[in-house]
Amino acid sequence: MKRKISIKRLLPFLLMAMLTLGVSCSKDDKEEEMWGYKKIELNKNDHRFESLPTINRLQQVYCNYRFVDMFFRNDSIFISYYGVLLYPTRLPDGFSFKNDEASSLFSGEVKQKSKGTDYYPIVLSEFRFGYNMNMEF
């Protein structure tokens, strides 16, 4: 009898949680519609980490500042992916972005760490840089 009562009491909380998740997803969709993405031509001659074993493949990862973020460290671009530090390769020389405006989609193979490093190299197969469509250029 107690078990039935507790399930009945939990049902409204579960429904609220599902509604909250649904609302937050719709906000992300509207936010994403404001952004356009420009495909960046990758440096296909960059073979620095291709010989390392592949430990994961990432497809169409969206940098959203909650779990995935891009930032500069020691004049290099890094990606924080759920707390794991990734070093993207194949970006063109001189590629730059502003931390407060950067948005991106990327795909690639995450390689094993090299000895003495604190990051995992990711050999990019695709990189799209976002820009706000409401901004004038």
C-alpha atoms as a PDB file:
ATOM      1  CA  MET A   1       0.000   0.000   0.000  1.00  0.00           C
ATOM      2  CA  LYS A   2       2.816   2.415   0.852  1.00  0.00           C
ATOM      3  CA  ARG A   3       4.483   1.715  -2.477  1.00  0.00           C
ATOM      4  CA  LYS A   4       1.370   2.777  -4.441  1.00  0.00           C
ATOM      5  CA  ILE A   5       1.075   5.998  -2.466  1.00  0.00           C
ATOM      6  CA  SER A   6       4.711   6.949  -3.095  1.00  0.00           C
ATOM      7  CA  ILE A   7       4.369   6.340  -6.849  1.00  0.00           C
ATOM      8  CA  LYS A   8       1.267   8.537  -6.964  1.00  0.00           C
ATOM      9  CA  ARG A   9       3.163  11.274  -5.160  1.00  0.00           C
ATOM     10  CA  LEU A  10       6.143  11.000  -7.480  1.00  0.00           C
ATOM     11  CA  LEU A  11       4.079  11.218 -10.664  1.00  0.00           C
ATOM     12  CA  PRO A  12       3.523  15.023 -10.512  1.00  0.00           C
ATOM     13  CA  PHE A  13       7.244  15.578  -9.919  1.00  0.00           C
ATOM     14  CA  LEU A  14       8.158  13.363 -12.872  1.00  0.00           C
ATOM     15  CA  LEU A  15       5.697  15.230 -15.094  1.00  0.00           C
ATOM     16  CA  MET A  16       7.176  18.576 -13.978  1.00  0.00           C
ATOM     17  CA  ALA A  17      10.679  17.329 -14.746  1.00  0.00           C
ATOM     18  CA  MET A  18       9.660  16.163 -18.216  1.00  0.00           C
ATOM     19  CA  LEU A  19       7.913  19.473 -18.898  1.00  0.00           C
ATOM     20  CA  THR A  20      10.955  21.412 -17.734  1.00  0.00           C
ATOM     21  CA  LEU A  21      13.252  19.399 -20.010  1.00  0.00           C
ATOM     22  CA  GLY A  22      10.888  19.940 -22.927  1.00  0.00           C
ATOM     23  CA  VAL A  23      10.844  23.697 -22.355  1.00  0.00           C
ATOM     24  CA  SER A  24      14.635  23.921 -22.146  1.00  0.00           C
ATOM     25  CA  CYS A  25      15.009  21.948 -25.382  1.00  0.00           C
ATOM     26  CA  SER A  26      12.664  24.283 -27.211  1.00  0.00           C
ATOM     27  CA  LYS A  27      14.694  27.275 -25.974  1.00  0.00           C
ATOM     28  CA  ASP A  28      17.856  25.731 -27.423  1.00  0.00           C
ATOM     29  CA  ASP A  29      16.129  25.164 -30.763  1.00  0.00           C
ATOM     30  CA  LYS A  30      15.027  28.800 -30.969  1.00  0.00           C
ATOM     31  CA  GLU A  31      18.475  29.961 -29.937  1.00  0.00           C
ATOM     32  CA  GLU A  32      20.116  27.748 -32.549  1.00  0.00           C
ATOM     33  CA  GLU A  33      17.856  29.132 -35.307  1.00  0.00           C
ATOM     34  CA  MET A  34      19.486  32.547 -34.775  1.00  0.00           C
ATOM     35  CA  TRP A  35      22.889  31.111 -35.663  1.00  0.00           C
ATOM     36  CA  GLY A  36      24.225  30.376 -39.117  1.00  0.00           C
ATOM     37  CA  TYR A  37      27.247  28.171 -39.707  1.00  0.00           C
ATOM     38  CA  LYS A  38      30.082  28.652 -42.162  1.00  0.00           C
ATOM     39  CA  LYS A  39      32.107  25.581 -43.097  1.00  0.00           C
ATOM     40  CA  ILE A  40      35.819  26.098 -42.472  1.00  0.00           C
ATOM     41  CA  GLU A  41      38.216  24.571 -44.988  1.00  0.00           C
ATOM     42  CA  LEU A  42      40.427  22.257 -42.956  1.00  0.00           C
ATOM     43  CA  ASN A  43      44.178  21.798 -43.387  1.00  0.00           C
ATOM     44  CA  LYS A  44      44.204  18.234 -44.785  1.00  0.00           C
ATOM     45  CA  ASN A  45      48.041  18.254 -44.802  1.00  0.00           C
ATOM     46  CA  ASP A  46      48.121  18.216 -40.986  1.00  0.00           C
ATOM     47  CA  HIS A  47      48.922  14.571 -40.097  1.00  0.00           C
ATOM     48  CA  ARG A  48      50.476  15.135 -36.652  1.00  0.00           C
ATOM     49  CA  PHE A  49      48.267  12.810 -34.587  1.00  0.00           C
ATOM     50  CA  GLU A  50      46.765  10.447 -37.180  1.00  0.00           C
ATOM     51  CA  SER A  51      49.128   7.593 -36.235  1.00  0.00           C
ATOM     52  CA  LEU A  52      47.853   7.527 -32.633  1.00  0.00           C
ATOM     53  CA  PRO A  53      45.095   5.015 -31.814  1.00  0.00           C
ATOM     54  CA  THR A  54      41.521   6.320 -32.104  1.00  0.00           C
ATOM     55  CA  ILE A  55      39.599   6.146 -28.826  1.00  0.00           C
ATOM     56  CA  ASN A  56      36.351   7.846 -29.883  1.00  0.00           C
ATOM     57  CA  ARG A  57      34.537   9.410 -32.827  1.00  0.00           C
ATOM     58  CA  LEU A  58      32.479  12.544 -32.356  1.00  0.00           C
ATOM     59  CA  GLN A  59      29.790  13.590 -34.841  1.00  0.00           C
ATOM     60  CA  GLN A  60      28.176  17.034 -35.112  1.00  0.00           C
ATOM     61  CA  VAL A  61      29.093  18.229 -31.604  1.00  0.00           C
ATOM     62  CA  TYR A  62      27.636  21.660 -30.870  1.00  0.00           C
ATOM     63  CA  CYS A  63      29.642  24.029 -28.650  1.00  0.00           C
ATOM     64  CA  ASN A  64      26.984  25.370 -26.303  1.00  0.00           C
ATOM     65  CA  TYR A  65      29.040  26.704 -23.351  1.00  0.00           C
ATOM     66  CA  ARG A  66      27.296  24.385 -20.874  1.00  0.00           C
ATOM     67  CA  PHE A  67      29.153  21.165 -21.592  1.00  0.00           C
ATOM     68  CA  VAL A  68      31.299  21.987 -24.637  1.00  0.00           C
ATOM     69  CA  ASP A  69      33.331  25.184 -24.937  1.00  0.00           C
ATOM     70  CA  MET A  70      36.201  26.549 -27.038  1.00  0.00           C
ATOM     71  CA  PHE A  71      38.939  28.666 -25.497  1.00  0.00           C
ATOM     72  CA  PHE A  72      42.541  29.832 -25.966  1.00  0.00           C
ATOM     73  CA  ARG A  73      45.421  28.458 -23.917  1.00  0.00           C
ATOM     74  CA  ASN A  74      49.070  29.265 -24.693  1.00  0.00           C
ATOM     75  CA  ASP A  75      48.056  30.772 -28.058  1.00  0.00           C
ATOM     76  CA  SER A  76      46.335  27.528 -29.108  1.00  0.00           C
ATOM     77  CA  ILE A  77      42.661  26.709 -29.396  1.00  0.00           C
ATOM     78  CA  PHE A  78      41.292  23.986 -27.142  1.00  0.00           C
ATOM     79  CA  ILE A  79      37.856  22.465 -26.663  1.00  0.00           C
ATOM     80  CA  SER A  80      36.523  21.480 -23.262  1.00  0.00           C
ATOM     81  CA  TYR A  81      34.194  18.518 -23.906  1.00  0.00           C
ATOM     82  CA  TYR A  82      32.332  17.550 -20.715  1.00  0.00           C
ATOM     83  CA  GLY A  83      35.473  18.394 -18.748  1.00  0.00           C
ATOM     84  CA  VAL A  84      37.875  16.557 -21.097  1.00  0.00           C
ATOM     85  CA  LEU A  85      40.445  18.741 -22.836  1.00  0.00           C
ATOM     86  CA  LEU A  86      40.628  18.285 -26.635  1.00  0.00           C
ATOM     87  CA  TYR A  87      43.191  19.808 -28.970  1.00  0.00           C
ATOM     88  CA  PRO A  88      41.658  20.258 -32.444  1.00  0.00           C
ATOM     89  CA  THR A  89      43.982  19.695 -35.381  1.00  0.00           C
ATOM     90  CA  ARG A  90      43.565  20.644 -39.036  1.00  0.00           C
ATOM     91  CA  LEU A  91      42.247  24.139 -38.288  1.00  0.00           C
ATOM     92  CA  PRO A  92      43.670  26.602 -40.823  1.00  0.00           C
ATOM     93  CA  ASP A  93      46.649  28.745 -39.848  1.00  0.00           C
ATOM     94  CA  GLY A  94      45.560  31.982 -38.243  1.00  0.00           C
ATOM     95  CA  PHE A  95      42.076  30.710 -37.326  1.00  0.00           C
ATOM     96  CA  SER A  96      40.681  32.896 -34.566  1.00  0.00           C
ATOM     97  CA  PHE A  97      37.445  33.567 -32.702  1.00  0.00           C
ATOM     98  CA  LYS A  98      36.061  35.732 -29.921  1.00  0.00           C
ATOM     99  CA  ASN A  99      35.242  33.814 -26.741  1.00  0.00           C
ATOM    100  CA  ASP A 100      31.964  35.648 -26.167  1.00  0.00           C
ATOM    101  CA  GLU A 101      30.643  35.123 -29.707  1.00  0.00           C
ATOM    102  CA  ALA A 102      32.043  31.727 -30.653  1.00  0.00           C
ATOM    103  CA  SER A 103      29.724  28.913 -31.587  1.00  0.00           C
ATOM    104  CA  SER A 104      30.703  25.871 -33.579  1.00  0.00           C
ATOM    105  CA  LEU A 105      29.804  22.406 -34.817  1.00  0.00           C
ATOM    106  CA  PHE A 106      32.556  19.852 -35.274  1.00  0.00           C
ATOM    107  CA  SER A 107      33.192  16.195 -36.037  1.00  0.00           C
ATOM    108  CA  GLY A 108      36.361  14.156 -35.775  1.00  0.00           C
ATOM    109  CA  GLU A 109      38.355  11.312 -34.265  1.00  0.00           C
ATOM    110  CA  VAL A 110      39.628  11.644 -30.707  1.00  0.00           C
ATOM    111  CA  LYS A 111      43.096  10.147 -30.433  1.00  0.00           C
ATOM    112  CA  GLN A 112      44.968   8.752 -27.457  1.00  0.00           C
ATOM    113  CA  LYS A 113      46.934  11.224 -25.313  1.00  0.00           C
ATOM    114  CA  SER A 114      50.624  11.619 -26.044  1.00  0.00           C
ATOM    115  CA  LYS A 115      53.003  11.162 -23.101  1.00  0.00           C
ATOM    116  CA  GLY A 116      53.430  14.338 -21.087  1.00  0.00           C
ATOM    117  CA  THR A 117      50.269  16.058 -22.335  1.00  0.00           C
ATOM    118  CA  ASP A 118      47.016  16.819 -20.560  1.00  0.00           C
ATOM    119  CA  TYR A 119      44.839  16.841 -23.703  1.00  0.00           C
ATOM    120  CA  TYR A 120      43.451  14.443 -26.270  1.00  0.00           C
ATOM    121  CA  PRO A 121      44.069  15.420 -29.883  1.00  0.00           C
ATOM    122  CA  ILE A 122      41.000  15.431 -32.119  1.00  0.00           C
ATOM    123  CA  VAL A 123      41.631  15.082 -35.848  1.00  0.00           C
ATOM    124  CA  LEU A 124      38.815  17.156 -37.296  1.00  0.00           C
ATOM    125  CA  SER A 125      36.859  15.878 -40.269  1.00  0.00           C
ATOM    126  CA  GLU A 126      34.458  18.838 -40.213  1.00  0.00           C
ATOM    127  CA  PHE A 127      34.360  22.219 -38.520  1.00  0.00           C
ATOM    128  CA  ARG A 128      31.640  24.835 -38.890  1.00  0.00           C
ATOM    129  CA  PHE A 129      31.998  28.192 -37.208  1.00  0.00           C
ATOM    130  CA  GLY A 130      28.826  29.931 -36.085  1.00  0.00           C
ATOM    131  CA  TYR A 131      27.790  33.523 -36.389  1.00  0.00           C
ATOM    132  CA  ASN A 132      24.698  35.312 -35.191  1.00  0.00           C
ATOM    133  CA  MET A 133      22.371  35.909 -38.153  1.00  0.00           C
ATOM    134  CA  ASN A 134      20.889  38.993 -36.431  1.00  0.00           C
ATOM    135  CA  MET A 135      24.241  40.771 -36.481  1.00  0.00           C
ATOM    136  CA  GLU A 136      25.145  42.938 -39.451  1.00  0.00           C
ATOM    137  CA  PHE A 137      28.577  42.628 -41.034  1.00  0.00           C
END
